[in-house]
PDB file of all heavy atoms in Angstrom:
ATOM      1  N   ALA A   1       0.784  -1.176  -0.086  1.00  0.00           N
ATOM      2  CA  ALA A   1       0.047   0.047   0.024  1.00  0.00           C
ATOM      3  C   ALA A   1       0.836   1.326   0.003  1.00  0.00           C
ATOM      4  O   ALA A   1       0.348   2.346  -0.241  1.00  0.00           O
ATOM      5  CB  ALA A   1      -0.915   0.029   1.211  1.00  0.00           C
ATOM      6  N   SER A   2       2.087   1.308   0.309  1.00  0.00           N
ATOM      7  CA  SER A   2       2.969   2.398   0.396  1.00  0.00           C
ATOM      8  C   SER A   2       3.060   3.000  -1.087  1.00  0.00           C
ATOM      9  O   SER A   2       3.028   2.280  -2.082  1.00  0.00           O
ATOM     10  CB  SER A   2       4.275   2.020   0.971  1.00  0.00           C
ATOM     11  OG  SER A   2       4.996   1.241   0.073  1.00  0.00           O
ATOM     12  N   GLY A   3       3.290   4.314  -1.073  1.00  0.00           N
ATOM     13  CA  GLY A   3       3.668   4.991  -2.387  1.00  0.00           C
ATOM     14  C   GLY A   3       4.847   4.320  -3.102  1.00  0.00           C
ATOM     15  O   GLY A   3       4.906   4.247  -4.299  1.00  0.00           O
ATOM     16  N   THR A   4       5.857   3.920  -2.141  1.00  0.00           N
ATOM     17  CA  THR A   4       7.107   3.228  -2.794  1.00  0.00           C
ATOM     18  C   THR A   4       6.670   2.017  -3.538  1.00  0.00           C
ATOM     19  O   THR A   4       7.203   1.639  -4.662  1.00  0.00           O
ATOM     20  CB  THR A   4       8.109   2.970  -1.619  1.00  0.00           C
ATOM     21  OG1 THR A   4       8.437   4.150  -0.893  1.00  0.00           O
ATOM     22  CG2 THR A   4       9.340   2.269  -2.225  1.00  0.00           C
ATOM     23  N   SER A   5       5.914   1.108  -2.814  1.00  0.00           N
ATOM     24  CA  SER A   5       5.467  -0.055  -3.542  1.00  0.00           C
ATOM     25  C   SER A   5       4.647   0.118  -4.734  1.00  0.00           C
ATOM     26  O   SER A   5       4.822  -0.692  -5.792  1.00  0.00           O
ATOM     27  CB  SER A   5       4.656  -0.918  -2.436  1.00  0.00           C
ATOM     28  OG  SER A   5       4.112  -2.103  -3.070  1.00  0.00           O
ATOM     29  N   ILE A   6       3.700   1.096  -4.651  1.00  0.00           N
ATOM     30  CA  ILE A   6       2.785   1.303  -5.860  1.00  0.00           C
ATOM     31  C   ILE A   6       3.722   1.562  -7.122  1.00  0.00           C
ATOM     32  O   ILE A   6       3.545   1.092  -8.244  1.00  0.00           O
ATOM     33  CB  ILE A   6       1.852   2.473  -5.584  1.00  0.00           C
ATOM     34  CG1 ILE A   6       0.850   2.086  -4.438  1.00  0.00           C
ATOM     35  CG2 ILE A   6       1.131   2.896  -6.811  1.00  0.00           C
ATOM     36  CD1 ILE A   6       0.080   3.122  -3.931  1.00  0.00           C
ATOM     37  N   ALA A   7       4.679   2.543  -6.868  1.00  0.00           N
ATOM     38  CA  ALA A   7       5.561   2.863  -7.897  1.00  0.00           C
ATOM     39  C   ALA A   7       6.471   1.702  -8.325  1.00  0.00           C
ATOM     40  O   ALA A   7       6.721   1.509  -9.558  1.00  0.00           O
ATOM     41  CB  ALA A   7       6.485   4.103  -7.501  1.00  0.00           C
ATOM     42  N   GLU A   8       7.005   1.024  -7.459  1.00  0.00           N
ATOM     43  CA  GLU A   8       7.768  -0.203  -7.788  1.00  0.00           C
ATOM     44  C   GLU A   8       6.980  -1.212  -8.649  1.00  0.00           C
ATOM     45  O   GLU A   8       7.592  -1.740  -9.677  1.00  0.00           O
ATOM     46  CB  GLU A   8       8.320  -0.843  -6.588  1.00  0.00           C
ATOM     47  CG  GLU A   8       9.451   0.001  -5.858  1.00  0.00           C
ATOM     48  CD  GLU A   8       9.879  -0.844  -4.546  1.00  0.00           C
ATOM     49  OE1 GLU A   8       9.215  -1.714  -4.125  1.00  0.00           O
ATOM     50  OE2 GLU A   8      10.852  -0.393  -4.059  1.00  0.00           O
ATOM     51  N   ARG A   9       5.906  -1.454  -8.309  1.00  0.00           N
ATOM     52  CA  ARG A   9       5.021  -2.460  -9.072  1.00  0.00           C
ATOM     53  C   ARG A   9       4.729  -2.031 -10.549  1.00  0.00           C
ATOM     54  O   ARG A   9       4.737  -2.703 -11.478  1.00  0.00           O
ATOM     55  CB  ARG A   9       3.735  -2.873  -8.293  1.00  0.00           C
ATOM     56  CG  ARG A   9       4.001  -3.737  -7.138  1.00  0.00           C
ATOM     57  CD  ARG A   9       2.772  -4.110  -6.475  1.00  0.00           C
ATOM     58  NE  ARG A   9       2.380  -2.968  -5.602  1.00  0.00           N
ATOM     59  CZ  ARG A   9       1.173  -2.532  -5.213  1.00  0.00           C
ATOM     60  NH1 ARG A   9       0.147  -3.196  -5.789  1.00  0.00           N
ATOM     61  NH2 ARG A   9       0.899  -1.530  -4.490  1.00  0.00           N
ATOM     62  N   ALA A  10       4.552  -0.778 -10.616  1.00  0.00           N
ATOM     63  CA  ALA A  10       4.412  -0.171 -12.001  1.00  0.00           C
ATOM     64  C   ALA A  10       5.621  -0.354 -12.820  1.00  0.00           C
ATOM     65  O   ALA A  10       5.616  -0.677 -13.937  1.00  0.00           O
ATOM     66  CB  ALA A  10       3.948   1.334 -11.858  1.00  0.00           C
ATOM     67  N   ARG A  11       6.719  -0.009 -12.233  1.00  0.00           N
ATOM     68  CA  ARG A  11       8.022  -0.043 -12.958  1.00  0.00           C
ATOM     69  C   ARG A  11       8.337  -1.540 -13.319  1.00  0.00           C
ATOM     70  O   ARG A  11       8.830  -1.904 -14.417  1.00  0.00           O
ATOM     71  CB  ARG A  11       9.184   0.548 -12.102  1.00  0.00           C
ATOM     72  CG  ARG A  11       9.036   2.086 -12.039  1.00  0.00           C
ATOM     73  CD  ARG A  11      10.331   2.655 -11.519  1.00  0.00           C
ATOM     74  NE  ARG A  11      10.634   2.376 -10.116  1.00  0.00           N
ATOM     75  CZ  ARG A  11      10.272   3.026  -9.093  1.00  0.00           C
ATOM     76  NH1 ARG A  11       9.541   4.308  -9.339  1.00  0.00           N
ATOM     77  NH2 ARG A  11      10.525   2.739  -7.998  1.00  0.00           N
ATOM     78  N   GLU A  12       7.943  -2.436 -12.359  1.00  0.00           N
ATOM     79  CA  GLU A  12       8.306  -3.802 -12.622  1.00  0.00           C
ATOM     80  C   GLU A  12       7.520  -4.329 -13.738  1.00  0.00           C
ATOM     81  O   GLU A  12       7.910  -5.073 -14.693  1.00  0.00           O
ATOM     82  CB  GLU A  12       8.063  -4.690 -11.358  1.00  0.00           C
ATOM     83  CG  GLU A  12       9.132  -4.494 -10.254  1.00  0.00           C
ATOM     84  CD  GLU A  12       8.657  -5.129  -8.944  1.00  0.00           C
ATOM     85  OE1 GLU A  12       7.532  -5.623  -8.894  1.00  0.00           O
ATOM     86  OE2 GLU A  12       9.248  -4.771  -7.864  1.00  0.00           O
ATOM     87  N   ALA A  13       6.177  -3.961 -13.789  1.00  0.00           N
ATOM     88  CA  ALA A  13       5.223  -4.352 -14.816  1.00  0.00           C
ATOM     89  C   ALA A  13       5.702  -3.883 -16.239  1.00  0.00           C
ATOM     90  O   ALA A  13       5.681  -4.549 -17.181  1.00  0.00           O
ATOM     91  CB  ALA A  13       3.857  -3.991 -14.515  1.00  0.00           C
ATOM     92  N   LEU A  14       6.138  -2.569 -16.183  1.00  0.00           N
ATOM     93  CA  LEU A  14       6.587  -2.012 -17.465  1.00  0.00           C
ATOM     94  C   LEU A  14       7.843  -2.715 -17.979  1.00  0.00           C
ATOM     95  O   LEU A  14       8.000  -3.100 -19.147  1.00  0.00           O
ATOM     96  CB  LEU A  14       6.764  -0.593 -17.325  1.00  0.00           C
ATOM     97  CG  LEU A  14       5.614   0.244 -16.984  1.00  0.00           C
ATOM     98  CD1 LEU A  14       5.975   1.773 -16.835  1.00  0.00           C
ATOM     99  CD2 LEU A  14       4.595   0.210 -18.292  1.00  0.00           C
ATOM    100  N   ALA A  15       8.774  -3.017 -17.049  1.00  0.00           N
ATOM    101  CA  ALA A  15       9.964  -3.663 -17.384  1.00  0.00           C
ATOM    102  C   ALA A  15       9.769  -5.103 -17.886  1.00  0.00           C
ATOM    103  O   ALA A  15      10.536  -5.658 -18.723  1.00  0.00           O
ATOM    104  CB  ALA A  15      10.934  -3.772 -16.223  1.00  0.00           C
ATOM    105  N   ALA A  16       8.678  -5.598 -17.471  1.00  0.00           N
ATOM    106  CA  ALA A  16       8.307  -7.063 -17.945  1.00  0.00           C
ATOM    107  C   ALA A  16       7.546  -6.941 -19.292  1.00  0.00           C
ATOM    108  O   ALA A  16       7.154  -8.116 -19.881  1.00  0.00           O
ATOM    109  CB  ALA A  16       7.422  -7.826 -16.832  1.00  0.00           C
ATOM    110  N   GLY A  17       7.357  -5.851 -19.806  1.00  0.00           N
ATOM    111  CA  GLY A  17       6.768  -5.811 -21.201  1.00  0.00           C
ATOM    112  C   GLY A  17       5.227  -5.343 -21.213  1.00  0.00           C
ATOM    113  O   GLY A  17       4.549  -5.486 -22.243  1.00  0.00           O
ATOM    114  N   ARG A  18       4.671  -5.213 -20.003  1.00  0.00           N
ATOM    115  CA  ARG A  18       3.220  -4.770 -19.980  1.00  0.00           C
ATOM    116  C   ARG A  18       2.951  -3.497 -20.684  1.00  0.00           C
ATOM    117  O   ARG A  18       3.728  -2.539 -20.620  1.00  0.00           O
ATOM    118  CB  ARG A  18       2.748  -4.644 -18.555  1.00  0.00           C
ATOM    119  CG  ARG A  18       2.878  -5.959 -17.673  1.00  0.00           C
ATOM    120  CD  ARG A  18       1.658  -6.984 -18.145  1.00  0.00           C
ATOM    121  NE  ARG A  18       0.289  -6.397 -17.991  1.00  0.00           N
ATOM    122  CZ  ARG A  18      -0.271  -6.478 -16.901  1.00  0.00           C
ATOM    123  NH1 ARG A  18       0.253  -7.100 -15.757  1.00  0.00           N
ATOM    124  NH2 ARG A  18      -1.684  -6.002 -16.797  1.00  0.00           N
ATOM    125  N   THR A  19       1.826  -3.406 -21.323  1.00  0.00           N
ATOM    126  CA  THR A  19       1.474  -2.246 -22.127  1.00  0.00           C
ATOM    127  C   THR A  19       0.678  -1.376 -21.154  1.00  0.00           C
ATOM    128  O   THR A  19      -0.309  -1.797 -20.456  1.00  0.00           O
ATOM    129  CB  THR A  19       0.587  -2.577 -23.360  1.00  0.00           C
ATOM    130  OG1 THR A  19       1.359  -3.508 -24.128  1.00  0.00           O
ATOM    131  CG2 THR A  19       0.149  -1.387 -24.073  1.00  0.00           C
ATOM    132  N   SER A  20       0.954  -0.065 -21.245  1.00  0.00           N
ATOM    133  CA  SER A  20       0.335   0.837 -20.375  1.00  0.00           C
ATOM    134  C   SER A  20       0.650   2.384 -20.826  1.00  0.00           C
ATOM    135  O   SER A  20       1.768   2.586 -21.286  1.00  0.00           O
ATOM    136  CB  SER A  20       0.669   0.677 -18.829  1.00  0.00           C
ATOM    137  OG  SER A  20       0.302   1.749 -18.114  1.00  0.00           O
ATOM    138  N   SER A  21      -0.246   3.214 -20.510  1.00  0.00           N
ATOM    139  CA  SER A  21       0.043   4.679 -20.762  1.00  0.00           C
ATOM    140  C   SER A  21       1.107   5.119 -19.858  1.00  0.00           C
ATOM    141  O   SER A  21       1.791   6.172 -20.187  1.00  0.00           O
ATOM    142  CB  SER A  21      -1.281   5.511 -20.422  1.00  0.00           C
ATOM    143  OG  SER A  21      -1.669   5.354 -19.107  1.00  0.00           O
ATOM    144  N   LEU A  22       1.401   4.371 -18.816  1.00  0.00           N
ATOM    145  CA  LEU A  22       2.435   4.712 -17.887  1.00  0.00           C
ATOM    146  C   LEU A  22       3.875   4.627 -18.586  1.00  0.00           C
ATOM    147  O   LEU A  22       4.884   5.102 -18.121  1.00  0.00           O
ATOM    148  CB  LEU A  22       2.415   3.875 -16.643  1.00  0.00           C
ATOM    149  CG  LEU A  22       1.286   4.091 -15.712  1.00  0.00           C
ATOM    150  CD1 LEU A  22       1.276   2.924 -14.675  1.00  0.00           C
ATOM    151  CD2 LEU A  22       1.374   5.506 -14.912  1.00  0.00           C
ATOM    152  N   SER A  23       3.871   3.978 -19.694  1.00  0.00           N
ATOM    153  CA  SER A  23       5.175   3.831 -20.415  1.00  0.00           C
ATOM    154  C   SER A  23       5.710   5.163 -20.888  1.00  0.00           C
ATOM    155  O   SER A  23       6.875   5.312 -21.070  1.00  0.00           O
ATOM    156  CB  SER A  23       4.960   2.982 -21.612  1.00  0.00           C
ATOM    157  OG  SER A  23       4.531   1.707 -21.267  1.00  0.00           O
ATOM    158  N   ALA A  24       4.882   6.183 -21.069  1.00  0.00           N
ATOM    159  CA  ALA A  24       5.262   7.505 -21.411  1.00  0.00           C
ATOM    160  C   ALA A  24       5.781   8.270 -20.252  1.00  0.00           C
ATOM    161  O   ALA A  24       6.262   9.419 -20.402  1.00  0.00           O
ATOM    162  CB  ALA A  24       4.003   8.222 -22.101  1.00  0.00           C
ATOM    163  N   VAL A  25       5.708   7.808 -19.149  1.00  0.00           N
ATOM    164  CA  VAL A  25       6.178   8.600 -17.943  1.00  0.00           C
ATOM    165  C   VAL A  25       7.489   7.924 -17.444  1.00  0.00           C
ATOM    166  O   VAL A  25       7.657   6.756 -17.239  1.00  0.00           O
ATOM    167  CB  VAL A  25       5.170   8.447 -16.789  1.00  0.00           C
ATOM    168  CG1 VAL A  25       5.607   9.250 -15.481  1.00  0.00           C
ATOM    169  CG2 VAL A  25       3.822   8.944 -17.149  1.00  0.00           C
ATOM    170  N   GLU A  26       8.566   8.869 -17.261  1.00  0.00           N
ATOM    171  CA  GLU A  26       9.880   8.332 -16.747  1.00  0.00           C
ATOM    172  C   GLU A  26       9.664   8.144 -15.183  1.00  0.00           C
ATOM    173  O   GLU A  26       9.305   9.049 -14.507  1.00  0.00           O
ATOM    174  CB  GLU A  26      10.898   9.385 -17.081  1.00  0.00           C
ATOM    175  CG  GLU A  26      12.319   8.946 -16.675  1.00  0.00           C
ATOM    176  CD  GLU A  26      13.276   9.925 -17.158  1.00  0.00           C
ATOM    177  OE1 GLU A  26      13.058  10.925 -17.666  1.00  0.00           O
ATOM    178  OE2 GLU A  26      14.537   9.595 -16.658  1.00  0.00           O
ATOM    179  N   ASN A  27       9.958   6.961 -14.778  1.00  0.00           N
ATOM    180  CA  ASN A  27       9.948   6.754 -13.314  1.00  0.00           C
ATOM    181  C   ASN A  27       8.534   7.073 -12.752  1.00  0.00           C
ATOM    182  O   ASN A  27       8.470   7.933 -11.959  1.00  0.00           O
ATOM    183  CB  ASN A  27      11.001   7.380 -12.559  1.00  0.00           C
ATOM    184  CG  ASN A  27      12.321   6.891 -12.930  1.00  0.00           C
ATOM    185  OD1 ASN A  27      12.530   5.614 -13.096  1.00  0.00           O
ATOM    186  ND2 ASN A  27      13.300   7.738 -12.905  1.00  0.00           N
ATOM    187  N   PRO A  28       7.397   6.319 -13.090  1.00  0.00           N
ATOM    188  CA  PRO A  28       6.176   6.645 -12.638  1.00  0.00           C
ATOM    189  C   PRO A  28       6.083   6.605 -11.105  1.00  0.00           C
ATOM    190  O   PRO A  28       6.594   5.696 -10.485  1.00  0.00           O
ATOM    191  CB  PRO A  28       5.253   5.627 -13.340  1.00  0.00           C
ATOM    192  CG  PRO A  28       6.205   4.537 -13.715  1.00  0.00           C
ATOM    193  CD  PRO A  28       7.512   5.101 -13.998  1.00  0.00           C
ATOM    194  N   THR A  29       5.346   7.600 -10.663  1.00  0.00           N
ATOM    195  CA  THR A  29       4.991   7.584  -9.123  1.00  0.00           C
ATOM    196  C   THR A  29       3.778   6.969  -8.759  1.00  0.00           C
ATOM    197  O   THR A  29       2.860   6.649  -9.577  1.00  0.00           O
ATOM    198  CB  THR A  29       5.083   8.984  -8.641  1.00  0.00           C
ATOM    199  OG1 THR A  29       3.946   9.771  -9.189  1.00  0.00           O
ATOM    200  CG2 THR A  29       6.388   9.779  -8.947  1.00  0.00           C
ATOM    201  N   ALA A  30       3.463   6.845  -7.431  1.00  0.00           N
ATOM    202  CA  ALA A  30       2.134   6.361  -7.061  1.00  0.00           C
ATOM    203  C   ALA A  30       1.034   7.336  -7.479  1.00  0.00           C
ATOM    204  O   ALA A  30      -0.042   6.773  -7.915  1.00  0.00           O
ATOM    205  CB  ALA A  30       2.109   6.310  -5.543  1.00  0.00           C
ATOM    206  N   GLU A  31       1.305   8.612  -7.573  1.00  0.00           N
ATOM    207  CA  GLU A  31       0.263   9.604  -7.973  1.00  0.00           C
ATOM    208  C   GLU A  31       0.032   9.378  -9.476  1.00  0.00           C
ATOM    209  O   GLU A  31      -1.114   9.417  -9.963  1.00  0.00           O
ATOM    210  CB  GLU A  31       0.786  10.981  -7.767  1.00  0.00           C
ATOM    211  CG  GLU A  31      -0.282  11.996  -8.190  1.00  0.00           C
ATOM    212  CD  GLU A  31       0.135  13.435  -7.689  1.00  0.00           C
ATOM    213  OE1 GLU A  31       1.403  13.621  -7.193  1.00  0.00           O
ATOM    214  OE2 GLU A  31      -0.693  14.371  -8.024  1.00  0.00           O
ATOM    215  N   ASP A  32       1.046   9.067 -10.326  1.00  0.00           N
ATOM    216  CA  ASP A  32       0.946   8.763 -11.630  1.00  0.00           C
ATOM    217  C   ASP A  32      -0.042   7.522 -11.881  1.00  0.00           C
ATOM    218  O   ASP A  32      -0.917   7.434 -12.724  1.00  0.00           O
ATOM    219  CB  ASP A  32       2.221   8.438 -12.422  1.00  0.00           C
ATOM    220  CG  ASP A  32       3.087   9.688 -12.537  1.00  0.00           C
ATOM    221  OD1 ASP A  32       2.605  10.863 -12.682  1.00  0.00           O
ATOM    222  OD2 ASP A  32       4.345   9.559 -12.371  1.00  0.00           O
ATOM    223  N   VAL A  33       0.286   6.390 -11.105  1.00  0.00           N
ATOM    224  CA  VAL A  33      -0.537   5.238 -11.235  1.00  0.00           C
ATOM    225  C   VAL A  33      -2.003   5.505 -10.772  1.00  0.00           C
ATOM    226  O   VAL A  33      -2.875   5.128 -11.451  1.00  0.00           O
ATOM    227  CB  VAL A  33      -0.014   4.148 -10.186  1.00  0.00           C
ATOM    228  CG1 VAL A  33      -0.865   2.956 -10.215  1.00  0.00           C
ATOM    229  CG2 VAL A  33       1.416   3.752 -10.661  1.00  0.00           C
ATOM    230  N   SER A  34      -2.213   6.288  -9.721  1.00  0.00           N
ATOM    231  CA  SER A  34      -3.552   6.640  -9.401  1.00  0.00           C
ATOM    232  C   SER A  34      -4.202   7.407 -10.510  1.00  0.00           C
ATOM    233  O   SER A  34      -5.517   7.039 -10.779  1.00  0.00           O
ATOM    234  CB  SER A  34      -3.531   7.484  -8.010  1.00  0.00           C
ATOM    235  OG  SER A  34      -4.872   8.075  -7.784  1.00  0.00           O
ATOM    236  N   ARG A  35      -3.522   8.382 -11.083  1.00  0.00           N
ATOM    237  CA  ARG A  35      -4.180   9.095 -12.095  1.00  0.00           C
ATOM    238  C   ARG A  35      -4.482   8.277 -13.367  1.00  0.00           C
ATOM    239  O   ARG A  35      -5.582   8.398 -13.918  1.00  0.00           O
ATOM    240  CB  ARG A  35      -3.361  10.309 -12.518  1.00  0.00           C
ATOM    241  CG  ARG A  35      -3.908  11.363 -13.456  1.00  0.00           C
ATOM    242  CD  ARG A  35      -2.931  12.430 -13.793  1.00  0.00           C
ATOM    243  NE  ARG A  35      -2.414  13.181 -12.565  1.00  0.00           N
ATOM    244  CZ  ARG A  35      -1.145  13.061 -12.192  1.00  0.00           C
ATOM    245  NH1 ARG A  35      -0.304  12.483 -12.890  1.00  0.00           N
ATOM    246  NH2 ARG A  35      -0.792  13.728 -11.148  1.00  0.00           N
ATOM    247  N   ALA A  36      -3.609   7.409 -13.727  1.00  0.00           N
ATOM    248  CA  ALA A  36      -3.892   6.571 -14.901  1.00  0.00           C
ATOM    249  C   ALA A  36      -4.994   5.568 -14.611  1.00  0.00           C
ATOM    250  O   ALA A  36      -5.696   5.248 -15.484  1.00  0.00           O
ATOM    251  CB  ALA A  36      -2.516   5.759 -15.234  1.00  0.00           C
ATOM    252  N   ALA A  37      -5.027   4.955 -13.387  1.00  0.00           N
ATOM    253  CA  ALA A  37      -6.095   4.144 -13.149  1.00  0.00           C
ATOM    254  C   ALA A  37      -7.523   4.798 -13.171  1.00  0.00           C
ATOM    255  O   ALA A  37      -8.427   4.171 -13.716  1.00  0.00           O
ATOM    256  CB  ALA A  37      -5.998   3.619 -11.566  1.00  0.00           C
ATOM    257  N   ALA A  38      -7.576   6.041 -12.781  1.00  0.00           N
ATOM    258  CA  ALA A  38      -8.827   6.797 -12.896  1.00  0.00           C
ATOM    259  C   ALA A  38      -9.307   7.059 -14.341  1.00  0.00           C
ATOM    260  O   ALA A  38     -10.402   7.151 -14.668  1.00  0.00           O
ATOM    261  CB  ALA A  38      -8.738   8.137 -12.200  1.00  0.00           C
ATOM    262  N   ALA A  39      -8.098   7.056 -15.195  1.00  0.00           N
ATOM    263  CA  ALA A  39      -8.349   7.427 -16.586  1.00  0.00           C
ATOM    264  C   ALA A  39      -8.724   6.031 -17.420  1.00  0.00           C
ATOM    265  O   ALA A  39      -8.873   6.017 -18.637  1.00  0.00           O
ATOM    266  CB  ALA A  39      -7.220   8.020 -17.276  1.00  0.00           C
ATOM    267  N   GLY A  40      -8.726   4.923 -16.663  1.00  0.00           N
ATOM    268  CA  GLY A  40      -9.128   3.564 -17.235  1.00  0.00           C
ATOM    269  C   GLY A  40      -7.973   2.775 -17.867  1.00  0.00           C
ATOM    270  O   GLY A  40      -8.132   1.849 -18.527  1.00  0.00           O
ATOM    271  N   ASP A  41      -6.679   3.181 -17.442  1.00  0.00           N
ATOM    272  CA  ASP A  41      -5.531   2.312 -17.928  1.00  0.00           C
ATOM    273  C   ASP A  41      -5.605   0.960 -17.194  1.00  0.00           C
ATOM    274  O   ASP A  41      -5.671   0.903 -15.942  1.00  0.00           O
ATOM    275  CB  ASP A  41      -4.278   3.027 -17.457  1.00  0.00           C
ATOM    276  CG  ASP A  41      -3.087   2.203 -17.987  1.00  0.00           C
ATOM    277  OD1 ASP A  41      -2.538   1.435 -17.091  1.00  0.00           O
ATOM    278  OD2 ASP A  41      -2.548   2.568 -19.071  1.00  0.00           O
ATOM    279  N   PRO A  42      -5.694  -0.195 -17.931  1.00  0.00           N
ATOM    280  CA  PRO A  42      -5.832  -1.502 -17.267  1.00  0.00           C
ATOM    281  C   PRO A  42      -4.745  -1.876 -16.361  1.00  0.00           C
ATOM    282  O   PRO A  42      -5.058  -2.305 -15.224  1.00  0.00           O
ATOM    283  CB  PRO A  42      -5.838  -2.447 -18.480  1.00  0.00           C
ATOM    284  CG  PRO A  42      -6.323  -1.660 -19.603  1.00  0.00           C
ATOM    285  CD  PRO A  42      -5.659  -0.199 -19.386  1.00  0.00           C
ATOM    286  N   LEU A  43      -3.477  -1.544 -16.605  1.00  0.00           N
ATOM    287  CA  LEU A  43      -2.374  -2.027 -15.761  1.00  0.00           C
ATOM    288  C   LEU A  43      -2.383  -1.195 -14.477  1.00  0.00           C
ATOM    289  O   LEU A  43      -2.410  -1.650 -13.321  1.00  0.00           O
ATOM    290  CB  LEU A  43      -1.034  -1.801 -16.450  1.00  0.00           C
ATOM    291  CG  LEU A  43       0.203  -1.833 -15.494  1.00  0.00           C
ATOM    292  CD1 LEU A  43       0.315  -3.360 -14.942  1.00  0.00           C
ATOM    293  CD2 LEU A  43       1.489  -1.562 -16.252  1.00  0.00           C
ATOM    294  N   ALA A  44      -2.577   0.183 -14.651  1.00  0.00           N
ATOM    295  CA  ALA A  44      -2.689   1.034 -13.460  1.00  0.00           C
ATOM    296  C   ALA A  44      -3.869   0.719 -12.562  1.00  0.00           C
ATOM    297  O   ALA A  44      -3.760   0.595 -11.315  1.00  0.00           O
ATOM    298  CB  ALA A  44      -2.827   2.474 -13.801  1.00  0.00           C
ATOM    299  N   ALA A  45      -4.998   0.224 -13.123  1.00  0.00           N
ATOM    300  CA  ALA A  45      -6.158  -0.055 -12.427  1.00  0.00           C
ATOM    301  C   ALA A  45      -5.860  -1.482 -11.668  1.00  0.00           C
ATOM    302  O   ALA A  45      -6.228  -1.530 -10.444  1.00  0.00           O
ATOM    303  CB  ALA A  45      -7.379  -0.265 -13.382  1.00  0.00           C
ATOM    304  N   GLU A  46      -5.137  -2.338 -12.277  1.00  0.00           N
ATOM    305  CA  GLU A  46      -4.782  -3.605 -11.691  1.00  0.00           C
ATOM    306  C   GLU A  46      -3.950  -3.177 -10.383  1.00  0.00           C
ATOM    307  O   GLU A  46      -4.140  -3.868  -9.359  1.00  0.00           O
ATOM    308  CB  GLU A  46      -4.049  -4.495 -12.578  1.00  0.00           C
ATOM    309  CG  GLU A  46      -3.587  -5.736 -12.110  1.00  0.00           C
ATOM    310  CD  GLU A  46      -2.852  -6.541 -13.142  1.00  0.00           C
ATOM    311  OE1 GLU A  46      -3.312  -6.669 -14.287  1.00  0.00           O
ATOM    312  OE2 GLU A  46      -1.755  -7.073 -12.768  1.00  0.00           O
TER     313      GLU A  46
END
């Protein structure tokens, strides 16, 4: 649940080749994940 973990999981998923609008963000943060999830991004929502 920490901001650190939210950001880490996003970076790990992108490094594993998952498709996401977060790919356009360098070092996405927890706030980036929250915003992308609200916009309907499947990875961020997950």
